[in-house]
Amino acid sequence: MSFDNERRRHRRYPLRLAIKLHRGDEVLDADIINASASGCLLLSATPLEAGQTLEASIPELLIPRTRLHILRCQSTPSGYMVAAYFDAAMGDEAAIAWLSDEQHLANGTPRWLN
């Protein structure tokens, strides 16, 4: 599907970044698979519920905690794919595109950080 046909407000870029999900006193590790200025697709070892709100931080980018709203969660052989959106934009599209390009140039494919 082309970007012109997408219903999303912002384009998604392939990334591999660690993200910390804060659920009460519990901290869950997950990986961002792709991201836009307003949302992301995560791979998590822990299932999350649609409608759930967590706090999230991205240590690699020194991004402080922000609210993350879970849209859906689907079980896969490698974990749970979680679609989510942020309360506030996590960055501008140019910065996310640059980070995505940097990861591709570094080793030919998006990198895993954890």
C-alpha atoms as a PDB file:
ATOM      1  CA  MET A   1       0.000   0.000   0.000  1.00  0.00           C
ATOM      2  CA  SER A   2       1.419   3.419  -0.880  1.00  0.00           C
ATOM      3  CA  PHE A   3       1.654   6.268   1.596  1.00  0.00           C
ATOM      4  CA  ASP A   4      -0.983   8.166  -0.418  1.00  0.00           C
ATOM      5  CA  ASN A   5      -3.517   5.488   0.519  1.00  0.00           C
ATOM      6  CA  GLU A   6      -2.582   5.450   4.232  1.00  0.00           C
ATOM      7  CA  ARG A   7      -5.018   6.741   6.810  1.00  0.00           C
ATOM      8  CA  ARG A   8      -2.214   7.665   9.205  1.00  0.00           C
ATOM      9  CA  ARG A   9      -1.366  11.308   9.764  1.00  0.00           C
ATOM     10  CA  HIS A  10       2.385  10.671   9.574  1.00  0.00           C
ATOM     11  CA  ARG A  11       4.554   8.357   7.501  1.00  0.00           C
ATOM     12  CA  ARG A  12       6.031   5.315   9.289  1.00  0.00           C
ATOM     13  CA  TYR A  13       9.760   4.602   9.118  1.00  0.00           C
ATOM     14  CA  PRO A  14      11.509   1.293   9.889  1.00  0.00           C
ATOM     15  CA  LEU A  15      13.508   1.535  13.124  1.00  0.00           C
ATOM     16  CA  ARG A  16      14.891  -0.771  15.753  1.00  0.00           C
ATOM     17  CA  LEU A  17      14.977   1.086  19.051  1.00  0.00           C
ATOM     18  CA  ALA A  18      14.594  -0.089  22.614  1.00  0.00           C
ATOM     19  CA  ILE A  19      11.630   1.377  24.470  1.00  0.00           C
ATOM     20  CA  LYS A  20      10.786   1.152  28.162  1.00  0.00           C
ATOM     21  CA  LEU A  21       7.107   0.732  29.034  1.00  0.00           C
ATOM     22  CA  HIS A  22       6.135   1.738  32.558  1.00  0.00           C
ATOM     23  CA  ARG A  23       3.038  -0.038  33.882  1.00  0.00           C
ATOM     24  CA  GLY A  24       2.667   1.016  37.501  1.00  0.00           C
ATOM     25  CA  ASP A  25       5.870  -0.102  39.244  1.00  0.00           C
ATOM     26  CA  GLU A  26       6.610  -2.623  36.486  1.00  0.00           C
ATOM     27  CA  VAL A  27       9.020  -1.756  33.658  1.00  0.00           C
ATOM     28  CA  LEU A  28       8.630  -3.731  30.430  1.00  0.00           C
ATOM     29  CA  ASP A  29      11.240  -3.836  27.681  1.00  0.00           C
ATOM     30  CA  ALA A  30      10.068  -3.734  24.079  1.00  0.00           C
ATOM     31  CA  ASP A  31      11.462  -2.831  20.671  1.00  0.00           C
ATOM     32  CA  ILE A  32      10.144  -0.229  18.277  1.00  0.00           C
ATOM     33  CA  ILE A  33       9.745  -1.857  14.846  1.00  0.00           C
ATOM     34  CA  ASN A  34       8.642   1.272  13.033  1.00  0.00           C
ATOM     35  CA  ALA A  35       7.731   4.777  14.099  1.00  0.00           C
ATOM     36  CA  SER A  36       6.221   8.048  13.022  1.00  0.00           C
ATOM     37  CA  ALA A  37       6.014  11.384  14.804  1.00  0.00           C
ATOM     38  CA  SER A  38       2.809  10.273  16.506  1.00  0.00           C
ATOM     39  CA  GLY A  39       2.904   6.485  16.875  1.00  0.00           C
ATOM     40  CA  CYS A  40       4.813   3.242  16.607  1.00  0.00           C
ATOM     41  CA  LEU A  41       4.657  -0.497  16.167  1.00  0.00           C
ATOM     42  CA  LEU A  42       6.284  -2.421  19.015  1.00  0.00           C
ATOM     43  CA  LEU A  43       7.463  -5.964  19.526  1.00  0.00           C
ATOM     44  CA  SER A  44       6.892  -6.966  23.141  1.00  0.00           C
ATOM     45  CA  ALA A  45       7.349 -10.180  25.100  1.00  0.00           C
ATOM     46  CA  THR A  46       4.349  -9.145  27.211  1.00  0.00           C
ATOM     47  CA  PRO A  47       0.792  -8.823  25.878  1.00  0.00           C
ATOM     48  CA  LEU A  48      -0.828  -5.412  26.272  1.00  0.00           C
ATOM     49  CA  GLU A  49      -4.508  -4.565  26.117  1.00  0.00           C
ATOM     50  CA  ALA A  50      -6.141  -2.261  23.579  1.00  0.00           C
ATOM     51  CA  GLY A  51      -7.258   0.886  25.356  1.00  0.00           C
ATOM     52  CA  GLN A  52      -4.506   0.605  27.962  1.00  0.00           C
ATOM     53  CA  THR A  53      -2.394   3.705  28.644  1.00  0.00           C
ATOM     54  CA  LEU A  54       1.227   3.354  29.754  1.00  0.00           C
ATOM     55  CA  GLU A  55       4.142   5.683  30.165  1.00  0.00           C
ATOM     56  CA  ALA A  56       7.005   5.091  27.758  1.00  0.00           C
ATOM     57  CA  SER A  57      10.558   6.340  27.344  1.00  0.00           C
ATOM     58  CA  ILE A  58      13.175   5.790  24.658  1.00  0.00           C
ATOM     59  CA  PRO A  59      16.580   5.705  26.369  1.00  0.00           C
ATOM     60  CA  GLU A  60      18.644   5.675  23.145  1.00  0.00           C
ATOM     61  CA  LEU A  61      17.123   9.020  22.129  1.00  0.00           C
ATOM     62  CA  LEU A  62      17.031  10.455  25.671  1.00  0.00           C
ATOM     63  CA  ILE A  63      13.282  10.923  25.271  1.00  0.00           C
ATOM     64  CA  PRO A  64      11.593  11.373  28.648  1.00  0.00           C
ATOM     65  CA  ARG A  65       8.450   9.561  29.690  1.00  0.00           C
ATOM     66  CA  THR A  66       5.326  10.275  27.736  1.00  0.00           C
ATOM     67  CA  ARG A  67       1.944   8.594  27.576  1.00  0.00           C
ATOM     68  CA  LEU A  68       1.533   5.745  25.133  1.00  0.00           C
ATOM     69  CA  HIS A  69      -1.946   4.527  24.176  1.00  0.00           C
ATOM     70  CA  ILE A  70      -2.333   0.936  23.014  1.00  0.00           C
ATOM     71  CA  LEU A  71      -4.506   0.532  19.907  1.00  0.00           C
ATOM     72  CA  ARG A  72      -4.163  -3.207  19.363  1.00  0.00           C
ATOM     73  CA  CYS A  73      -2.025  -6.177  20.307  1.00  0.00           C
ATOM     74  CA  GLN A  74      -1.578  -9.325  18.243  1.00  0.00           C
ATOM     75  CA  SER A  75       0.265 -12.509  19.164  1.00  0.00           C
ATOM     76  CA  THR A  76       2.974 -13.601  16.719  1.00  0.00           C
ATOM     77  CA  PRO A  77       5.591 -16.376  16.839  1.00  0.00           C
ATOM     78  CA  SER A  78       8.230 -13.814  17.893  1.00  0.00           C
ATOM     79  CA  GLY A  79       6.160 -12.003  20.540  1.00  0.00           C
ATOM     80  CA  TYR A  80       3.337  -9.489  20.594  1.00  0.00           C
ATOM     81  CA  MET A  81       2.986  -6.833  17.899  1.00  0.00           C
ATOM     82  CA  VAL A  82       1.575  -3.740  19.538  1.00  0.00           C
ATOM     83  CA  ALA A  83       0.262  -0.702  17.654  1.00  0.00           C
ATOM     84  CA  ALA A  84       0.296   2.445  19.764  1.00  0.00           C
ATOM     85  CA  TYR A  85       0.252   6.227  19.624  1.00  0.00           C
ATOM     86  CA  PHE A  86       1.865   8.890  21.780  1.00  0.00           C
ATOM     87  CA  ASP A  87       0.091  11.732  23.596  1.00  0.00           C
ATOM     88  CA  ALA A  88       2.548  14.209  22.107  1.00  0.00           C
ATOM     89  CA  ALA A  89       4.687  13.998  18.992  1.00  0.00           C
ATOM     90  CA  MET A  90       7.956  12.205  19.790  1.00  0.00           C
ATOM     91  CA  GLY A  91       9.880  14.043  17.083  1.00  0.00           C
ATOM     92  CA  ASP A  92       9.494  15.566  13.698  1.00  0.00           C
ATOM     93  CA  GLU A  93       9.250  13.467  10.579  1.00  0.00           C
ATOM     94  CA  ALA A  94      12.608  14.663   9.239  1.00  0.00           C
ATOM     95  CA  ALA A  95      14.427  13.493  12.396  1.00  0.00           C
ATOM     96  CA  ILE A  96      12.737  10.082  12.317  1.00  0.00           C
ATOM     97  CA  ALA A  97      13.489   9.684   8.608  1.00  0.00           C
ATOM     98  CA  TRP A  98      17.140  10.606   9.253  1.00  0.00           C
ATOM     99  CA  LEU A  99      17.428   8.058  12.073  1.00  0.00           C
ATOM    100  CA  SER A 100      15.845   5.394   9.878  1.00  0.00           C
ATOM    101  CA  ASP A 101      18.276   6.195   7.041  1.00  0.00           C
ATOM    102  CA  GLU A 102      21.247   6.164   9.435  1.00  0.00           C
ATOM    103  CA  GLN A 103      20.288   2.704  10.655  1.00  0.00           C
ATOM    104  CA  HIS A 104      20.008   1.403   7.095  1.00  0.00           C
ATOM    105  CA  LEU A 105      23.377   2.892   6.122  1.00  0.00           C
ATOM    106  CA  ALA A 106      25.105   1.524   9.224  1.00  0.00           C
ATOM    107  CA  ASN A 107      24.560  -2.132   8.366  1.00  0.00           C
ATOM    108  CA  GLY A 108      22.185  -2.475   5.463  1.00  0.00           C
ATOM    109  CA  THR A 109      19.141  -3.202   7.615  1.00  0.00           C
ATOM    110  CA  PRO A 110      17.502  -1.650  10.666  1.00  0.00           C
ATOM    111  CA  ARG A 111      19.431  -2.475  13.826  1.00  0.00           C
ATOM    112  CA  TRP A 112      18.331  -4.062  17.082  1.00  0.00           C
ATOM    113  CA  LEU A 113      19.573  -2.140  20.083  1.00  0.00           C
ATOM    114  CA  ASN A 114      18.781  -4.615  22.832  1.00  0.00           C
END
